[in-house]
């Protein structure tokens, strides 16, 4: 029996910057190295309103980032042509300092009091960008995709996607990327 067999509804889906959950905007360098940690929190409940604990590997396969305006998935580790120059991955690469953020990184967790589970992704830009608005997405096997993009999805939020209303809970965060800082070489010439 799969954990998804007990699904009654997706109760909660949210995203935020890991180190500053109240921030709505952030800027990173468009150098493919500088990354910002983004948290996706999800809560799925059974028919008794008890939270389901989704195994970590399934949680990672299901959570994703989307464009806020149209709900299209962002590039996962550079595998797709959409939303360039923005790419997200599971790996921080250690270069996660961004202007005005001190990153405190966590891994997947289950919050016993609320039933929320969290996945951390790292978003980066391969070039300069004036910005993108992103939202969280979550795929429930046997039901369909949910996201908190501008228009949401048509997936019914109920057992096997056969009943319930559609999930609409718009929320976004905005990112821009700056030109990378380039090291300058200083040459000294000896005059003889």
N, C-alpha and C. Protein backbone atom coordinates (compact mmCIF):
# COMPACT_ATOMS: atom_id res chain seq x y z
N UNK A 1 0.83 -1.18 0.00
CA UNK A 1 0.00 0.00 0.00
C UNK A 1 0.88 1.25 0.00
N UNK A 2 0.57 2.19 -0.86
CA UNK A 2 1.30 3.43 -0.97
C UNK A 2 0.72 4.48 -0.02
N UNK A 3 1.56 5.40 0.42
CA UNK A 3 1.09 6.49 1.28
C UNK A 3 0.04 7.32 0.55
N UNK A 4 0.14 7.39 -0.78
CA UNK A 4 -0.79 8.19 -1.57
C UNK A 4 -2.21 7.61 -1.55
N UNK A 5 -2.34 6.33 -1.24
CA UNK A 5 -3.67 5.70 -1.17
C UNK A 5 -4.53 6.31 -0.06
N UNK A 6 -3.90 6.87 0.94
CA UNK A 6 -4.63 7.47 2.06
C UNK A 6 -4.92 8.95 1.86
N UNK A 7 -4.48 9.52 0.73
CA UNK A 7 -4.67 10.95 0.49
C UNK A 7 -6.15 11.32 0.45
N UNK A 8 -6.49 12.35 1.20
CA UNK A 8 -7.82 12.92 1.13
C UNK A 8 -7.76 14.28 0.41
N UNK A 9 -6.74 15.11 0.78
CA UNK A 9 -6.57 16.38 0.09
C UNK A 9 -5.19 16.98 0.39
N UNK A 10 -4.78 17.84 -0.51
CA UNK A 10 -3.62 18.69 -0.29
C UNK A 10 -4.11 19.85 0.56
N UNK A 11 -3.59 19.97 1.77
CA UNK A 11 -4.09 20.95 2.72
C UNK A 11 -3.32 22.26 2.65
N UNK A 12 -2.03 22.18 2.28
CA UNK A 12 -1.17 23.36 2.38
C UNK A 12 -0.03 23.22 1.40
N UNK A 13 0.29 24.30 0.70
CA UNK A 13 1.44 24.36 -0.21
C UNK A 13 1.97 25.78 -0.16
N UNK A 14 3.25 25.94 0.16
CA UNK A 14 3.81 27.27 0.33
C UNK A 14 5.28 27.26 -0.06
N UNK A 15 5.82 28.45 -0.36
CA UNK A 15 7.25 28.59 -0.61
C UNK A 15 7.75 29.87 0.02
N UNK A 16 9.05 29.88 0.34
CA UNK A 16 9.67 31.05 0.95
C UNK A 16 11.18 30.91 0.83
N UNK A 17 11.87 32.03 0.98
CA UNK A 17 13.33 31.97 1.08
C UNK A 17 13.67 31.35 2.43
N UNK A 18 14.62 30.44 2.44
CA UNK A 18 14.95 29.70 3.67
C UNK A 18 15.38 30.64 4.79
N UNK A 19 16.26 31.57 4.50
CA UNK A 19 16.83 32.38 5.56
C UNK A 19 16.06 33.65 5.87
N UNK A 20 15.03 33.94 5.09
CA UNK A 20 14.23 35.13 5.35
C UNK A 20 12.82 34.87 4.83
N UNK A 21 12.02 34.21 5.62
CA UNK A 21 10.69 33.76 5.17
C UNK A 21 9.73 34.89 4.90
N UNK A 22 9.99 36.07 5.43
CA UNK A 22 9.08 37.19 5.17
C UNK A 22 9.46 37.98 3.92
N UNK A 23 10.65 37.76 3.37
CA UNK A 23 11.09 38.48 2.17
C UNK A 23 10.29 38.01 0.95
N UNK A 24 10.00 38.94 0.07
CA UNK A 24 9.28 38.63 -1.17
C UNK A 24 10.18 38.75 -2.39
N UNK A 25 11.39 39.32 -2.21
CA UNK A 25 12.32 39.55 -3.32
C UNK A 25 13.74 39.24 -2.89
N UNK A 26 14.53 38.78 -3.86
CA UNK A 26 15.95 38.55 -3.60
C UNK A 26 16.71 38.73 -4.90
N UNK A 27 17.99 39.02 -4.76
CA UNK A 27 18.87 39.19 -5.92
C UNK A 27 20.09 38.31 -5.74
N UNK A 28 20.46 37.62 -6.80
CA UNK A 28 21.68 36.80 -6.80
C UNK A 28 22.51 37.19 -8.02
N UNK A 29 23.70 36.61 -8.14
CA UNK A 29 24.55 36.84 -9.30
C UNK A 29 24.22 35.81 -10.37
N UNK A 30 24.16 36.26 -11.61
CA UNK A 30 23.86 35.37 -12.74
C UNK A 30 25.09 34.68 -13.27
N UNK A 31 25.73 33.88 -12.41
CA UNK A 31 26.98 33.23 -12.78
C UNK A 31 26.92 31.70 -12.70
N UNK A 32 25.75 31.13 -12.54
CA UNK A 32 25.53 29.68 -12.40
C UNK A 32 26.09 29.10 -11.11
N UNK A 33 26.74 29.92 -10.30
CA UNK A 33 27.31 29.43 -9.05
C UNK A 33 26.55 29.91 -7.83
N UNK A 34 26.22 31.20 -7.78
CA UNK A 34 25.51 31.79 -6.65
C UNK A 34 24.09 31.22 -6.60
N UNK A 35 23.71 30.66 -5.47
CA UNK A 35 22.41 30.01 -5.34
C UNK A 35 21.67 30.51 -4.12
N UNK A 36 20.36 30.50 -4.22
CA UNK A 36 19.53 30.91 -3.10
C UNK A 36 18.66 29.73 -2.69
N UNK A 37 18.59 29.48 -1.39
CA UNK A 37 17.81 28.36 -0.86
C UNK A 37 16.34 28.74 -0.78
N UNK A 38 15.50 27.89 -1.35
CA UNK A 38 14.05 28.10 -1.35
C UNK A 38 13.38 26.90 -0.72
N UNK A 39 12.50 27.18 0.21
CA UNK A 39 11.76 26.15 0.93
C UNK A 39 10.37 25.97 0.33
N UNK A 40 10.01 24.71 0.09
CA UNK A 40 8.63 24.37 -0.26
C UNK A 40 8.08 23.56 0.90
N UNK A 41 6.96 24.02 1.45
CA UNK A 41 6.31 23.29 2.53
C UNK A 41 4.97 22.76 2.02
N UNK A 42 4.68 21.53 2.39
CA UNK A 42 3.46 20.89 1.94
C UNK A 42 2.84 20.11 3.10
N UNK A 43 1.53 20.05 3.10
CA UNK A 43 0.82 19.24 4.08
C UNK A 43 -0.30 18.51 3.34
N UNK A 44 -0.29 17.19 3.47
CA UNK A 44 -1.31 16.35 2.86
C UNK A 44 -1.99 15.59 3.99
N UNK A 45 -3.33 15.52 3.94
CA UNK A 45 -4.07 14.88 5.02
C UNK A 45 -4.92 13.72 4.51
N UNK A 46 -5.26 12.83 5.46
CA UNK A 46 -6.16 11.72 5.15
C UNK A 46 -7.60 12.13 5.46
N UNK A 47 -8.53 11.21 5.33
CA UNK A 47 -9.95 11.56 5.51
C UNK A 47 -10.29 11.97 6.94
N UNK A 48 -9.43 11.63 7.90
CA UNK A 48 -9.64 12.04 9.29
C UNK A 48 -8.90 13.33 9.63
N UNK A 49 -8.38 13.99 8.61
CA UNK A 49 -7.63 15.24 8.75
C UNK A 49 -6.29 15.06 9.47
N UNK A 50 -5.76 13.85 9.46
CA UNK A 50 -4.44 13.57 10.02
C UNK A 50 -3.39 13.74 8.93
N UNK A 51 -2.28 14.39 9.24
CA UNK A 51 -1.25 14.58 8.21
C UNK A 51 -0.60 13.26 7.81
N UNK A 52 -0.34 13.11 6.51
CA UNK A 52 0.39 11.95 6.00
C UNK A 52 1.87 12.28 5.99
N UNK A 53 2.69 11.32 6.32
CA UNK A 53 4.14 11.50 6.26
C UNK A 53 4.61 10.87 4.95
N UNK A 54 5.00 11.73 4.01
CA UNK A 54 5.47 11.29 2.71
C UNK A 54 6.96 10.94 2.83
N UNK A 55 7.36 9.73 2.39
CA UNK A 55 8.79 9.39 2.45
C UNK A 55 9.63 10.41 1.69
N UNK A 56 10.85 10.64 2.17
CA UNK A 56 11.72 11.69 1.63
C UNK A 56 11.94 11.58 0.13
N UNK A 57 12.18 10.37 -0.39
CA UNK A 57 12.42 10.24 -1.83
C UNK A 57 11.19 10.60 -2.65
N UNK A 58 10.01 10.24 -2.18
CA UNK A 58 8.78 10.59 -2.88
C UNK A 58 8.50 12.09 -2.78
N UNK A 59 8.80 12.66 -1.64
CA UNK A 59 8.61 14.10 -1.44
C UNK A 59 9.48 14.88 -2.42
N UNK A 60 10.74 14.45 -2.57
CA UNK A 60 11.65 15.11 -3.51
C UNK A 60 11.19 14.97 -4.95
N UNK A 61 10.65 13.81 -5.31
CA UNK A 61 10.16 13.61 -6.68
C UNK A 61 8.92 14.45 -6.97
N UNK A 62 8.14 14.72 -5.96
CA UNK A 62 6.86 15.41 -6.15
C UNK A 62 6.95 16.93 -6.12
N UNK A 63 7.82 17.48 -5.30
CA UNK A 63 7.94 18.94 -5.16
C UNK A 63 8.72 19.52 -6.33
N UNK A 64 8.35 20.71 -6.76
CA UNK A 64 9.06 21.39 -7.84
C UNK A 64 8.75 22.89 -7.81
N UNK A 65 9.49 23.64 -8.61
CA UNK A 65 9.27 25.08 -8.73
C UNK A 65 8.65 25.38 -10.08
N UNK A 66 7.74 26.37 -10.11
CA UNK A 66 7.08 26.75 -11.35
C UNK A 66 7.13 28.27 -11.53
N UNK A 67 6.87 28.70 -12.76
CA UNK A 67 6.73 30.12 -13.04
C UNK A 67 5.36 30.56 -12.52
N UNK A 68 5.33 31.66 -11.81
CA UNK A 68 4.08 32.13 -11.21
C UNK A 68 3.04 32.49 -12.26
N UNK A 69 3.44 33.12 -13.35
CA UNK A 69 2.49 33.61 -14.35
C UNK A 69 1.75 32.50 -15.09
N UNK A 70 2.45 31.41 -15.43
CA UNK A 70 1.82 30.40 -16.28
C UNK A 70 1.85 28.98 -15.70
N UNK A 71 2.48 28.78 -14.57
CA UNK A 71 2.50 27.46 -13.94
C UNK A 71 3.46 26.46 -14.57
N UNK A 72 4.26 26.87 -15.57
CA UNK A 72 5.22 25.96 -16.19
C UNK A 72 6.38 25.70 -15.25
N UNK A 73 6.83 24.45 -15.23
CA UNK A 73 7.96 24.09 -14.37
C UNK A 73 9.24 24.81 -14.81
N UNK A 74 10.04 25.16 -13.80
CA UNK A 74 11.37 25.70 -14.07
C UNK A 74 12.29 24.56 -14.47
N UNK A 75 13.44 24.93 -15.01
CA UNK A 75 14.44 23.93 -15.39
C UNK A 75 14.97 23.21 -14.16
N UNK A 76 14.87 21.89 -14.15
CA UNK A 76 15.46 21.07 -13.10
C UNK A 76 16.87 20.71 -13.53
N UNK A 77 17.85 21.25 -12.85
CA UNK A 77 19.26 21.00 -13.11
C UNK A 77 19.62 21.23 -14.57
N UNK A 78 18.95 22.21 -15.21
CA UNK A 78 19.27 22.59 -16.58
C UNK A 78 18.76 21.65 -17.64
N UNK A 79 17.78 20.81 -17.31
CA UNK A 79 17.32 19.78 -18.24
C UNK A 79 16.28 20.24 -19.24
N UNK A 80 15.75 21.46 -19.11
CA UNK A 80 14.70 21.88 -20.02
C UNK A 80 14.97 23.25 -20.60
N UNK A 81 14.29 23.59 -21.70
CA UNK A 81 14.53 24.87 -22.36
C UNK A 81 13.76 26.03 -21.75
N UNK A 82 12.73 25.75 -20.97
CA UNK A 82 11.88 26.81 -20.43
C UNK A 82 12.54 27.57 -19.30
N UNK A 83 12.13 28.80 -19.14
CA UNK A 83 12.48 29.68 -18.03
C UNK A 83 13.96 29.99 -17.90
N UNK A 84 14.72 29.86 -19.00
CA UNK A 84 16.12 30.25 -18.92
C UNK A 84 16.19 31.72 -18.61
N UNK A 85 17.09 32.19 -17.83
CA UNK A 85 18.30 31.52 -17.36
C UNK A 85 18.14 30.84 -16.01
N UNK A 86 16.91 30.66 -15.51
CA UNK A 86 16.68 30.16 -14.15
C UNK A 86 16.67 28.64 -14.11
N UNK A 87 17.42 28.09 -13.14
CA UNK A 87 17.57 26.64 -12.97
C UNK A 87 17.52 26.34 -11.48
N UNK A 88 16.93 25.19 -11.12
CA UNK A 88 16.97 24.81 -9.70
C UNK A 88 17.50 23.40 -9.56
N UNK A 89 18.03 23.14 -8.36
CA UNK A 89 18.69 21.87 -8.08
C UNK A 89 18.52 21.54 -6.61
N UNK A 90 18.96 20.40 -6.22
CA UNK A 90 18.94 19.97 -4.82
C UNK A 90 20.26 20.29 -4.12
N UNK A 91 21.25 20.76 -4.88
CA UNK A 91 22.60 20.93 -4.35
C UNK A 91 22.96 22.40 -4.15
N UNK A 92 23.51 22.71 -3.00
CA UNK A 92 23.83 24.10 -2.68
C UNK A 92 25.14 24.56 -3.29
N UNK A 93 26.08 23.73 -3.47
CA UNK A 93 27.45 23.96 -3.95
C UNK A 93 28.26 24.87 -3.02
N UNK A 94 27.71 25.23 -1.85
CA UNK A 94 28.44 26.03 -0.88
C UNK A 94 28.51 27.52 -1.16
N UNK A 95 27.96 27.96 -2.28
CA UNK A 95 28.03 29.38 -2.65
C UNK A 95 26.62 29.98 -2.55
N UNK A 96 26.10 30.03 -1.33
CA UNK A 96 24.71 30.43 -1.13
C UNK A 96 24.55 31.79 -0.46
N UNK A 97 25.64 32.52 -0.28
CA UNK A 97 25.53 33.85 0.30
C UNK A 97 24.95 34.79 -0.75
N UNK A 98 23.88 35.48 -0.39
CA UNK A 98 23.28 36.45 -1.29
C UNK A 98 23.15 37.77 -0.54
N UNK A 99 23.06 38.87 -1.27
CA UNK A 99 22.97 40.15 -0.57
C UNK A 99 21.84 40.17 0.45
N UNK A 100 22.14 40.54 1.64
CA UNK A 100 21.24 40.70 2.79
C UNK A 100 20.66 39.41 3.33
N UNK A 101 21.19 38.26 2.96
CA UNK A 101 20.73 37.00 3.53
C UNK A 101 21.90 36.25 4.17
N UNK A 102 21.68 35.70 5.34
CA UNK A 102 22.61 34.76 5.95
C UNK A 102 21.89 33.43 5.91
N UNK A 103 22.32 32.52 5.08
CA UNK A 103 21.59 31.30 4.83
C UNK A 103 21.79 30.29 5.95
N UNK A 104 20.71 29.82 6.48
CA UNK A 104 20.71 28.72 7.44
C UNK A 104 20.02 27.57 6.74
N UNK A 105 20.76 26.53 6.43
CA UNK A 105 20.23 25.46 5.60
C UNK A 105 19.74 24.29 6.44
N UNK A 106 18.61 23.74 6.02
CA UNK A 106 18.06 22.56 6.67
C UNK A 106 17.78 21.52 5.61
N UNK A 107 17.44 20.34 6.01
CA UNK A 107 17.09 19.29 5.07
C UNK A 107 15.59 19.04 5.18
N UNK A 108 15.12 18.00 4.52
CA UNK A 108 13.70 17.65 4.58
C UNK A 108 13.32 17.38 6.03
N UNK A 109 12.15 17.86 6.41
CA UNK A 109 11.72 17.59 7.78
C UNK A 109 10.21 17.47 7.84
N UNK A 110 9.75 16.90 8.91
CA UNK A 110 8.33 16.78 9.20
C UNK A 110 8.09 17.53 10.50
N UNK A 111 7.19 18.49 10.48
CA UNK A 111 6.87 19.27 11.67
C UNK A 111 5.69 18.61 12.37
N UNK A 112 5.92 17.96 13.53
CA UNK A 112 4.86 17.20 14.19
C UNK A 112 3.65 18.01 14.62
N UNK A 113 3.84 19.28 14.97
CA UNK A 113 2.70 20.08 15.43
C UNK A 113 1.76 20.48 14.30
N UNK A 114 2.33 20.76 13.12
CA UNK A 114 1.49 21.21 12.00
C UNK A 114 1.29 20.14 10.93
N UNK A 115 2.17 19.16 10.89
CA UNK A 115 2.08 18.13 9.85
C UNK A 115 2.72 18.55 8.54
N UNK A 116 3.39 19.70 8.51
CA UNK A 116 4.04 20.17 7.29
C UNK A 116 5.34 19.42 7.06
N UNK A 117 5.64 19.18 5.79
CA UNK A 117 6.93 18.63 5.39
C UNK A 117 7.60 19.66 4.49
N UNK A 118 8.93 19.67 4.51
CA UNK A 118 9.67 20.69 3.79
C UNK A 118 10.73 20.07 2.88
N UNK A 119 10.88 20.68 1.71
CA UNK A 119 11.94 20.35 0.77
C UNK A 119 12.69 21.64 0.50
N UNK A 120 14.01 21.58 0.44
CA UNK A 120 14.83 22.75 0.12
C UNK A 120 15.42 22.56 -1.28
N UNK A 121 15.20 23.57 -2.13
CA UNK A 121 15.82 23.60 -3.44
C UNK A 121 16.73 24.83 -3.51
N UNK A 122 17.66 24.81 -4.46
CA UNK A 122 18.58 25.92 -4.66
C UNK A 122 18.39 26.45 -6.07
N UNK A 123 18.04 27.71 -6.18
CA UNK A 123 17.79 28.33 -7.46
C UNK A 123 19.00 29.16 -7.86
N UNK A 124 19.36 29.08 -9.14
CA UNK A 124 20.46 29.90 -9.65
C UNK A 124 20.12 30.40 -11.05
N UNK A 125 20.90 31.38 -11.51
CA UNK A 125 20.71 31.95 -12.85
C UNK A 125 22.00 31.78 -13.64
N UNK A 126 21.85 31.41 -14.90
CA UNK A 126 23.02 31.23 -15.75
C UNK A 126 23.44 32.52 -16.45
N UNK A 127 22.65 33.58 -16.26
CA UNK A 127 22.93 34.85 -16.90
C UNK A 127 22.21 35.97 -16.14
N UNK A 128 22.39 37.20 -16.58
CA UNK A 128 21.70 38.34 -16.00
C UNK A 128 20.21 38.22 -16.33
N UNK A 129 19.34 38.60 -15.39
CA UNK A 129 17.90 38.57 -15.62
C UNK A 129 17.23 39.70 -14.86
N UNK A 130 16.27 40.35 -15.51
CA UNK A 130 15.53 41.41 -14.83
C UNK A 130 14.55 40.84 -13.82
N UNK A 131 14.33 39.54 -13.88
CA UNK A 131 13.55 38.92 -12.83
C UNK A 131 12.57 37.86 -13.29
N UNK A 132 12.16 37.07 -12.31
CA UNK A 132 11.16 36.03 -12.51
C UNK A 132 10.37 35.90 -11.22
N UNK A 133 9.09 35.65 -11.36
CA UNK A 133 8.24 35.34 -10.22
C UNK A 133 8.05 33.83 -10.22
N UNK A 134 8.33 33.20 -9.08
CA UNK A 134 8.20 31.74 -9.01
C UNK A 134 7.20 31.35 -7.94
N UNK A 135 6.70 30.14 -8.07
CA UNK A 135 5.73 29.58 -7.12
C UNK A 135 6.10 28.12 -6.88
N UNK A 136 5.44 27.50 -5.91
CA UNK A 136 5.68 26.10 -5.58
C UNK A 136 4.74 25.21 -6.37
N UNK A 137 5.22 24.01 -6.68
CA UNK A 137 4.40 23.00 -7.34
C UNK A 137 4.54 21.67 -6.61
N UNK A 138 3.53 20.83 -6.73
CA UNK A 138 3.58 19.52 -6.10
C UNK A 138 2.76 18.54 -6.93
N UNK A 139 3.37 17.41 -7.27
CA UNK A 139 2.70 16.38 -8.05
C UNK A 139 2.28 15.24 -7.12
N UNK A 140 1.01 14.91 -7.15
CA UNK A 140 0.50 13.78 -6.37
C UNK A 140 0.23 12.63 -7.33
N UNK A 141 0.99 11.53 -7.21
CA UNK A 141 0.79 10.39 -8.10
C UNK A 141 -0.66 9.90 -8.09
N UNK A 142 -1.18 9.66 -9.28
CA UNK A 142 -2.54 9.18 -9.40
C UNK A 142 -3.60 10.28 -9.31
N UNK A 143 -3.18 11.51 -8.99
CA UNK A 143 -4.13 12.62 -8.88
C UNK A 143 -3.77 13.70 -9.89
N UNK A 144 -2.55 14.24 -9.83
CA UNK A 144 -2.11 15.27 -10.76
C UNK A 144 -1.26 16.33 -10.11
N UNK A 145 -1.05 17.41 -10.86
CA UNK A 145 -0.21 18.51 -10.41
C UNK A 145 -1.02 19.59 -9.70
N UNK A 146 -0.42 20.13 -8.66
CA UNK A 146 -0.96 21.28 -7.94
C UNK A 146 0.13 22.34 -7.92
N UNK A 147 -0.25 23.61 -7.90
CA UNK A 147 0.74 24.66 -7.69
C UNK A 147 0.05 25.91 -7.17
N UNK A 148 0.85 26.84 -6.69
CA UNK A 148 0.27 28.10 -6.24
C UNK A 148 0.66 29.23 -7.19
N UNK A 149 0.56 28.92 -8.50
CA UNK A 149 0.77 29.92 -9.54
C UNK A 149 -0.43 30.86 -9.59
N UNK A 150 -0.34 31.83 -10.45
CA UNK A 150 -1.37 32.86 -10.55
C UNK A 150 -2.77 32.29 -10.78
N UNK A 151 -2.88 31.27 -11.64
CA UNK A 151 -4.20 30.71 -11.93
C UNK A 151 -4.41 29.31 -11.35
N UNK A 152 -3.43 28.76 -10.67
CA UNK A 152 -3.58 27.43 -10.08
C UNK A 152 -3.67 26.34 -11.15
N UNK A 153 -4.23 25.20 -10.77
CA UNK A 153 -4.41 24.10 -11.72
C UNK A 153 -5.87 23.67 -11.72
N UNK A 154 -6.21 22.85 -12.68
CA UNK A 154 -7.57 22.32 -12.76
C UNK A 154 -7.71 20.99 -12.02
N UNK A 155 -6.65 20.53 -11.38
CA UNK A 155 -6.68 19.26 -10.65
C UNK A 155 -7.63 19.37 -9.46
N UNK A 156 -8.52 18.41 -9.35
CA UNK A 156 -9.45 18.39 -8.21
C UNK A 156 -8.70 17.94 -6.97
N UNK A 157 -8.92 18.64 -5.88
CA UNK A 157 -8.20 18.39 -4.64
C UNK A 157 -8.99 17.44 -3.75
N UNK A 158 -8.98 16.18 -4.14
CA UNK A 158 -9.68 15.16 -3.38
C UNK A 158 -9.12 13.79 -3.71
N UNK A 159 -9.65 12.75 -3.08
CA UNK A 159 -9.14 11.40 -3.32
C UNK A 159 -9.13 11.05 -4.81
N UNK A 160 -7.96 10.62 -5.29
CA UNK A 160 -7.74 10.24 -6.69
C UNK A 160 -8.09 11.34 -7.68
N UNK A 161 -8.24 12.57 -7.21
CA UNK A 161 -8.56 13.70 -8.08
C UNK A 161 -9.96 13.64 -8.66
N UNK A 162 -10.80 12.78 -8.09
CA UNK A 162 -12.15 12.58 -8.62
C UNK A 162 -13.17 13.53 -8.02
N UNK A 163 -12.86 14.13 -6.89
CA UNK A 163 -13.81 15.03 -6.24
C UNK A 163 -13.06 16.19 -5.61
N UNK A 164 -13.80 17.11 -5.04
CA UNK A 164 -13.19 18.27 -4.39
C UNK A 164 -13.06 19.43 -5.35
N UNK A 165 -12.77 20.58 -4.80
CA UNK A 165 -12.59 21.78 -5.62
C UNK A 165 -11.16 21.82 -6.14
N UNK A 166 -10.92 22.72 -7.08
CA UNK A 166 -9.56 22.88 -7.57
C UNK A 166 -8.75 23.67 -6.54
N UNK A 167 -7.44 23.46 -6.55
CA UNK A 167 -6.54 24.10 -5.58
C UNK A 167 -6.07 25.42 -6.16
N UNK A 168 -6.49 26.52 -5.55
CA UNK A 168 -6.07 27.85 -5.97
C UNK A 168 -5.62 28.61 -4.73
N UNK A 169 -4.32 28.88 -4.66
CA UNK A 169 -3.74 29.58 -3.53
C UNK A 169 -2.52 30.36 -4.03
N UNK A 170 -2.73 31.43 -4.84
CA UNK A 170 -1.61 32.13 -5.46
C UNK A 170 -0.62 32.71 -4.45
N UNK A 171 0.66 32.43 -4.69
CA UNK A 171 1.74 33.01 -3.88
C UNK A 171 3.02 32.94 -4.69
N UNK A 172 3.78 34.01 -4.65
CA UNK A 172 5.03 34.02 -5.42
C UNK A 172 6.12 34.75 -4.65
N UNK A 173 7.35 34.49 -5.10
CA UNK A 173 8.50 35.27 -4.68
C UNK A 173 9.22 35.70 -5.95
N UNK A 174 9.92 36.82 -5.89
CA UNK A 174 10.54 37.41 -7.08
C UNK A 174 12.06 37.36 -6.94
N UNK A 175 12.72 36.97 -8.03
CA UNK A 175 14.18 36.93 -8.06
C UNK A 175 14.71 37.67 -9.26
N UNK A 176 15.84 38.35 -9.07
CA UNK A 176 16.57 38.97 -10.16
C UNK A 176 18.02 38.50 -10.06
N UNK A 177 18.74 38.63 -11.19
CA UNK A 177 20.16 38.25 -11.15
C UNK A 177 21.01 39.37 -11.75
N UNK A 178 22.13 39.60 -11.09
CA UNK A 178 23.07 40.64 -11.47
C UNK A 178 24.20 40.06 -12.31
N UNK A 179 24.91 40.95 -12.98
CA UNK A 179 26.10 40.52 -13.72
C UNK A 179 27.12 39.95 -12.74
N UNK A 180 27.78 38.86 -13.11
CA UNK A 180 28.78 38.29 -12.22
C UNK A 180 29.94 39.25 -11.97
N UNK A 181 30.51 39.13 -10.80
CA UNK A 181 31.69 39.92 -10.48
C UNK A 181 32.89 39.22 -11.10
N UNK A 182 33.66 39.96 -11.86
CA UNK A 182 34.82 39.37 -12.51
C UNK A 182 36.07 39.86 -11.82
N UNK A 183 36.98 38.95 -11.60
CA UNK A 183 38.25 39.33 -10.99
C UNK A 183 39.08 40.09 -12.01
N UNK A 184 39.71 41.12 -11.53
CA UNK A 184 40.60 41.88 -12.41
C UNK A 184 42.03 41.47 -12.10
N UNK A 185 42.77 41.29 -13.13
CA UNK A 185 44.19 40.98 -12.97
C UNK A 185 44.98 42.28 -12.92
N UNK A 186 45.90 42.33 -12.03
CA UNK A 186 46.76 43.51 -11.91
C UNK A 186 48.16 43.09 -12.32
N UNK A 187 48.64 43.70 -13.37
CA UNK A 187 49.97 43.38 -13.85
C UNK A 187 50.91 44.55 -13.51
N UNK A 188 52.06 44.19 -13.05
CA UNK A 188 53.07 45.22 -12.79
C UNK A 188 54.18 45.03 -13.83
N UNK A 189 54.53 46.11 -14.40
CA UNK A 189 55.59 46.07 -15.39
C UNK A 189 56.86 46.64 -14.77
N UNK A 190 57.92 45.94 -14.97
CA UNK A 190 59.21 46.43 -14.50
C UNK A 190 59.83 47.29 -15.61
N UNK A 191 60.26 48.43 -15.24
CA UNK A 191 60.97 49.25 -16.22
C UNK A 191 62.46 49.14 -15.96
N UNK A 192 63.17 48.87 -16.98
CA UNK A 192 64.60 48.67 -16.83
C UNK A 192 65.38 49.88 -17.26
